[in-house]
Amino acid sequence: MRISEQKLFNNKAEGIGILLFLVLAVLPLVLGIIYALLYSLGVIGLVSDGFTFAYWQRALSDAEFWLSIGYTFYIALATIGLTIILSLFLSLYFRKELRHGLPGFAIYVPLAFPAIVVAFLFFQLLSQSGLFARIAFQLRLIADSSVFPELVNDPFGIGIIGAHTFMATPFFTLYFMNLYRQANLKEFRQVAESLGASAFEQLRRIVVPVLLKRAFPTLTLYTIFVMGSYEIPLILGRQTPQMMSVLVIRKLRRFSLSTIPEAYITAIVFIAIIIALLTVLFKSKNFSYDLDR
């Protein structure tokens, strides 16, 4: 009787690939976090005076720090919520149109734009001196450009949310269309229709739950991407409140060296919050997904 031996890797190439990933991607990240932690504790760095919690106390007692965390979560959740609504609408009601012709080509165009280009585009369109304000003035809808609604550099992050939604909606529209086909939801809807379910009930009870359940990992990762974005909130956001990425960079680049440990503390706490949320989400007993179907 031959006992099969379980291998850690299927082949040598897979083992080398994982090793390279750990060395080139994971190890620098871990070393960076360790460096930031030691710097924030005063063990190393330009302002090192020995081990201390003073920087942590100062950073965690700063109201701007907690306001920035709340603002970052608000922007990310508002963006992903709006993206889901638009993507589901397009993928379910314009599925045929988006497979060919001009709409099928146009849906790919926003995917080619870098974030900084989208940020400048929205600034030129939505600012009080931008294209939309000028059109409204020429149409005599407003008496002066200053009357135009404040859509960029505004306290509610309308420009930031709009720019991220513009970038994400085409991707998730195509993603939902692909999931719709892979999950054979057309056949499921036909069965539900034969059992007397209305079109709205088919969407509410079958299509939307299945799509969201299968897309949950990708939606979660994109939400984290929005929370860590830099170019768009830098150009379209205000000085206060700021998203976490902009706040960290601002503290790092100040003339005062005393704010550098605070920048590292801000980054460490933010990373810890993200890891904790991911752990809760992906280890929940009520959550399961299938990436193979």
Protein backbone atom coordinates (compact mmCIF):
# COMPACT_ATOMS: atom_id res chain seq x y z
CA MET A 1 0.00 0.00 0.00
CA ARG A 2 1.42 3.34 -1.07
CA ILE A 3 0.84 6.37 1.15
CA SER A 4 0.71 9.63 -0.76
CA GLU A 5 2.82 12.42 0.67
CA GLN A 6 1.18 15.82 0.94
CA LYS A 7 3.36 18.56 -0.51
CA LEU A 8 3.40 22.17 0.56
CA PHE A 9 3.72 23.35 -3.05
CA ASN A 10 2.46 21.68 -6.22
CA ASN A 11 5.72 22.31 -8.06
CA LYS A 12 9.01 24.15 -7.77
CA ALA A 13 7.79 27.13 -9.82
CA GLU A 14 4.90 27.71 -7.42
CA GLY A 15 7.25 27.58 -4.45
CA ILE A 16 9.65 30.07 -6.06
CA GLY A 17 6.75 32.38 -6.93
CA ILE A 18 5.42 32.42 -3.37
CA LEU A 19 8.94 32.95 -2.01
CA LEU A 20 9.51 35.91 -4.32
CA PHE A 21 6.16 37.38 -3.29
CA LEU A 22 7.08 37.10 0.39
CA VAL A 23 10.54 38.62 -0.16
CA LEU A 24 9.57 41.40 -2.57
CA ALA A 25 6.08 42.33 -1.29
CA VAL A 26 5.41 41.10 2.23
CA LEU A 27 8.87 41.54 3.79
CA PRO A 28 9.30 45.25 2.85
CA LEU A 29 5.82 45.96 4.20
CA VAL A 30 6.56 44.22 7.50
CA LEU A 31 9.93 45.95 7.82
CA GLY A 32 8.29 49.30 7.08
CA ILE A 33 5.70 48.77 9.82
CA ILE A 34 8.42 47.77 12.29
CA TYR A 35 10.46 50.86 11.39
CA ALA A 36 7.40 53.10 11.81
CA LEU A 37 6.60 51.52 15.17
CA LEU A 38 10.15 51.98 16.49
CA TYR A 39 10.23 55.56 15.20
CA SER A 40 6.92 56.37 16.91
CA LEU A 41 8.26 55.00 20.20
CA GLY A 42 11.36 57.18 20.05
CA VAL A 43 13.73 54.22 19.69
CA ILE A 44 15.11 55.35 16.33
CA GLY A 45 14.80 58.43 14.15
CA LEU A 46 15.90 62.05 13.93
CA VAL A 47 14.06 63.07 17.10
CA SER A 48 14.93 59.97 19.11
CA ASP A 49 15.42 60.65 22.83
CA GLY A 50 14.84 57.12 24.04
CA PHE A 51 11.77 54.96 24.52
CA THR A 52 8.62 57.05 25.07
CA PHE A 53 4.84 56.97 24.62
CA ALA A 54 4.63 60.75 24.39
CA TYR A 55 4.13 60.76 20.62
CA TRP A 56 1.34 58.20 20.90
CA GLN A 57 -0.42 60.21 23.59
CA ARG A 58 -0.20 63.37 21.52
CA ALA A 59 -1.34 61.72 18.30
CA LEU A 60 -4.28 59.83 19.81
CA SER A 61 -5.49 62.91 21.68
CA ASP A 62 -5.57 64.97 18.48
CA ALA A 63 -9.17 65.58 17.33
CA GLU A 64 -7.99 65.91 13.72
CA PHE A 65 -6.77 62.31 13.81
CA TRP A 66 -10.18 60.84 14.72
CA LEU A 67 -12.03 63.23 12.42
CA SER A 68 -9.81 62.07 9.56
CA ILE A 69 -10.57 58.41 10.31
CA GLY A 70 -14.31 59.08 10.30
CA TYR A 71 -14.05 61.15 7.12
CA THR A 72 -12.05 58.42 5.38
CA PHE A 73 -14.64 55.77 6.21
CA TYR A 74 -17.43 58.09 5.10
CA ILE A 75 -15.81 58.70 1.70
CA ALA A 76 -15.09 55.00 1.15
CA LEU A 77 -18.56 53.78 2.14
CA ALA A 78 -20.34 56.50 0.18
CA THR A 79 -18.22 55.71 -2.88
CA ILE A 80 -18.74 51.96 -2.77
CA GLY A 81 -22.46 52.36 -2.05
CA LEU A 82 -23.00 54.67 -5.02
CA THR A 83 -20.80 52.46 -7.19
CA ILE A 84 -22.84 49.36 -6.34
CA ILE A 85 -26.13 51.09 -7.17
CA LEU A 86 -24.91 52.43 -10.53
CA SER A 87 -23.08 49.24 -11.50
CA LEU A 88 -26.04 47.01 -10.72
CA PHE A 89 -28.36 49.31 -12.65
CA LEU A 90 -26.12 49.35 -15.73
CA SER A 91 -25.29 45.64 -15.66
CA LEU A 92 -28.90 44.53 -15.21
CA TYR A 93 -30.78 46.95 -17.46
CA PHE A 94 -28.19 47.69 -20.16
CA ARG A 95 -26.44 44.33 -20.31
CA LYS A 96 -27.06 43.78 -24.02
CA GLU A 97 -26.17 47.34 -25.05
CA LEU A 98 -22.84 47.21 -23.21
CA ARG A 99 -21.67 44.13 -25.06
CA HIS A 100 -21.18 45.80 -28.44
CA GLY A 101 -21.19 49.08 -30.30
CA LEU A 102 -20.38 52.51 -28.90
CA PRO A 103 -21.68 51.79 -25.35
CA GLY A 104 -19.53 48.65 -25.25
CA PHE A 105 -16.49 50.75 -26.13
CA ALA A 106 -17.35 53.71 -23.91
CA ILE A 107 -17.62 51.58 -20.77
CA TYR A 108 -13.90 50.80 -21.05
CA VAL A 109 -12.72 54.41 -21.48
CA PRO A 110 -12.73 55.45 -17.78
CA LEU A 111 -10.65 52.37 -16.96
CA ALA A 112 -7.75 53.85 -18.94
CA PHE A 113 -7.55 57.05 -16.88
CA PRO A 114 -5.00 57.31 -14.05
CA ALA A 115 -6.32 58.63 -10.76
CA ILE A 116 -4.50 61.95 -11.04
CA VAL A 117 -5.98 62.56 -14.51
CA VAL A 118 -9.49 61.88 -13.19
CA ALA A 119 -8.85 64.25 -10.30
CA PHE A 120 -7.80 67.11 -12.59
CA LEU A 121 -10.70 66.32 -14.95
CA PHE A 122 -13.27 66.60 -12.16
CA PHE A 123 -11.62 69.77 -10.88
CA GLN A 124 -11.88 71.38 -14.32
CA LEU A 125 -15.49 70.27 -14.65
CA LEU A 126 -16.95 70.84 -11.17
CA SER A 127 -15.05 73.76 -9.66
CA GLN A 128 -16.64 77.20 -9.47
CA SER A 129 -14.40 78.30 -12.33
CA GLY A 130 -14.84 75.06 -14.24
CA LEU A 131 -16.71 74.05 -17.38
CA PHE A 132 -20.09 73.35 -15.80
CA ALA A 133 -20.07 76.69 -13.97
CA ARG A 134 -19.22 78.51 -17.20
CA ILE A 135 -22.02 76.72 -19.09
CA ALA A 136 -24.49 77.57 -16.33
CA PHE A 137 -23.37 81.22 -16.49
CA GLN A 138 -23.74 81.36 -20.28
CA LEU A 139 -27.22 79.86 -20.00
CA ARG A 140 -28.02 82.55 -17.38
CA LEU A 141 -28.80 79.93 -14.79
CA ILE A 142 -26.48 81.68 -12.35
CA ALA A 143 -25.56 85.35 -12.07
CA ASP A 144 -21.95 84.72 -11.09
CA SER A 145 -19.60 81.75 -10.98
CA SER A 146 -19.30 82.09 -7.22
CA VAL A 147 -22.98 81.12 -6.94
CA PHE A 148 -22.26 77.74 -8.52
CA PRO A 149 -22.49 74.91 -5.93
CA GLU A 150 -19.23 74.00 -4.23
CA LEU A 151 -18.61 70.50 -5.62
CA VAL A 152 -14.82 70.27 -5.17
CA ASN A 153 -12.79 71.09 -2.08
CA ASP A 154 -16.10 70.84 -0.23
CA PRO A 155 -16.64 69.53 3.32
CA PHE A 156 -18.78 66.60 2.12
CA GLY A 157 -16.22 65.24 -0.34
CA ILE A 158 -18.60 65.35 -3.31
CA GLY A 159 -15.77 65.71 -5.80
CA ILE A 160 -13.78 62.87 -4.22
CA ILE A 161 -16.79 60.54 -4.19
CA GLY A 162 -17.69 61.47 -7.76
CA ALA A 163 -14.17 60.87 -9.08
CA HIS A 164 -13.82 57.48 -7.39
CA THR A 165 -17.29 56.45 -8.53
CA PHE A 166 -16.42 57.47 -12.09
CA MET A 167 -13.40 55.16 -11.99
CA ALA A 168 -15.06 52.23 -10.21
CA THR A 169 -18.47 52.03 -11.90
CA PRO A 170 -17.24 50.73 -15.30
CA PHE A 171 -15.11 48.07 -13.63
CA PHE A 172 -17.88 46.76 -11.40
CA THR A 173 -20.42 46.98 -14.21
CA LEU A 174 -18.31 44.61 -16.30
CA TYR A 175 -17.61 42.50 -13.21
CA PHE A 176 -21.31 42.11 -12.39
CA MET A 177 -22.07 41.26 -16.01
CA ASN A 178 -19.46 38.50 -15.90
CA LEU A 179 -20.78 37.17 -12.58
CA TYR A 180 -24.33 37.23 -13.95
CA ARG A 181 -23.27 34.97 -16.80
CA GLN A 182 -21.12 32.65 -14.70
CA ALA A 183 -23.83 32.15 -12.07
CA ASN A 184 -26.42 31.31 -14.75
CA LEU A 185 -28.76 33.87 -13.25
CA LYS A 186 -30.75 34.07 -16.46
CA GLU A 187 -31.84 30.45 -16.00
CA PHE A 188 -32.60 31.03 -12.32
CA ARG A 189 -34.79 33.99 -13.25
CA GLN A 190 -36.67 31.87 -15.76
CA VAL A 191 -37.36 29.26 -13.11
CA ALA A 192 -38.48 31.94 -10.66
CA GLU A 193 -40.72 33.48 -13.29
CA SER A 194 -42.36 30.11 -13.97
CA LEU A 195 -43.11 29.89 -10.25
CA GLY A 196 -44.87 33.24 -10.31
CA ALA A 197 -42.13 35.60 -9.16
CA SER A 198 -42.31 39.13 -10.55
CA ALA A 199 -39.31 40.84 -12.15
CA PHE A 200 -38.75 42.90 -9.01
CA GLU A 201 -38.86 39.81 -6.78
CA GLN A 202 -36.37 38.06 -9.07
CA LEU A 203 -33.94 40.94 -8.67
CA ARG A 204 -34.49 41.36 -4.93
CA ARG A 205 -34.44 37.72 -3.90
CA ILE A 206 -32.09 36.10 -6.44
CA VAL A 207 -30.02 38.33 -8.70
CA VAL A 208 -28.84 41.13 -6.39
CA PRO A 209 -28.06 38.86 -3.37
CA VAL A 210 -26.07 36.43 -5.52
CA LEU A 211 -24.09 39.18 -7.25
CA LEU A 212 -23.29 41.01 -4.03
CA LYS A 213 -22.32 37.81 -2.22
CA ARG A 214 -19.91 36.74 -4.93
CA ALA A 215 -18.52 40.25 -5.41
CA PHE A 216 -18.11 40.89 -1.68
CA PRO A 217 -14.33 40.21 -1.53
CA THR A 218 -13.67 42.50 -4.49
CA LEU A 219 -15.98 45.19 -3.15
CA THR A 220 -14.21 45.03 0.21
CA LEU A 221 -10.75 45.32 -1.33
CA TYR A 222 -11.81 48.23 -3.50
CA THR A 223 -13.23 49.99 -0.45
CA ILE A 224 -9.81 49.68 1.18
CA PHE A 225 -8.22 51.02 -2.01
CA VAL A 226 -10.45 54.12 -1.82
CA MET A 227 -9.55 54.60 1.84
CA GLY A 228 -5.86 54.59 0.96
CA SER A 229 -6.05 56.72 -2.19
CA TYR A 230 -3.94 59.87 -2.33
CA GLU A 231 -4.09 61.81 -5.61
CA ILE A 232 -7.85 62.32 -5.79
CA PRO A 233 -8.39 63.52 -2.18
CA LEU A 234 -5.25 65.66 -2.42
CA ILE A 235 -6.57 67.60 -5.43
CA LEU A 236 -10.32 67.53 -4.74
CA GLY A 237 -10.33 67.55 -0.93
CA ARG A 238 -10.08 70.29 1.68
CA GLN A 239 -7.38 71.03 4.23
CA THR A 240 -9.72 69.83 6.95
CA PRO A 241 -11.00 67.25 7.23
CA GLN A 242 -8.52 65.22 5.21
CA MET A 243 -8.41 61.57 4.29
CA MET A 244 -5.86 59.47 6.15
CA SER A 245 -3.37 59.17 3.30
CA VAL A 246 -3.24 62.94 2.78
CA LEU A 247 -2.97 63.54 6.53
CA VAL A 248 -0.05 61.12 6.86
CA ILE A 249 1.89 62.69 3.98
CA ARG A 250 1.20 66.20 5.29
CA LYS A 251 2.58 65.31 8.71
CA LEU A 252 5.64 63.67 7.13
CA ARG A 253 6.46 66.73 5.03
CA ARG A 254 6.05 69.41 7.66
CA PHE A 255 9.06 71.49 8.61
CA SER A 256 8.72 70.36 12.23
CA LEU A 257 10.41 66.99 12.78
CA SER A 258 8.17 66.33 15.78
CA THR A 259 5.23 65.53 13.50
CA ILE A 260 7.02 62.64 11.77
CA PRO A 261 6.36 60.18 14.63
CA GLU A 262 2.71 61.29 14.60
CA ALA A 263 2.54 60.50 10.88
CA TYR A 264 3.85 56.99 11.51
CA ILE A 265 1.39 56.53 14.39
CA THR A 266 -1.47 57.61 12.15
CA ALA A 267 -0.44 55.07 9.52
CA ILE A 268 0.02 52.26 12.07
CA VAL A 269 -3.37 52.81 13.70
CA PHE A 270 -5.07 53.00 10.32
CA ILE A 271 -3.43 49.74 9.18
CA ALA A 272 -4.45 48.07 12.46
CA ILE A 273 -8.08 49.16 11.96
CA ILE A 274 -8.12 47.82 8.40
CA ILE A 275 -6.60 44.48 9.43
CA ALA A 276 -9.11 44.15 12.29
CA LEU A 277 -12.05 44.86 9.98
CA LEU A 278 -10.80 42.39 7.36
CA THR A 279 -10.36 39.73 10.04
CA VAL A 280 -13.91 40.22 11.28
CA LEU A 281 -15.39 40.24 7.77
CA PHE A 282 -13.56 37.29 6.30
CA LYS A 283 -13.64 35.10 9.40
CA SER A 284 -17.32 35.57 10.10
CA LYS A 285 -19.29 32.33 10.22
CA ASN A 286 -22.17 33.96 8.35
CA PHE A 287 -19.98 34.89 5.42
CA SER A 288 -18.96 32.59 2.59
CA TYR A 289 -18.18 33.10 -1.04
CA ASP A 290 -17.14 31.08 -4.05
CA LEU A 291 -14.42 32.40 -6.32
CA ASP A 292 -14.42 29.40 -8.63
CA ARG A 293 -17.92 29.70 -10.04
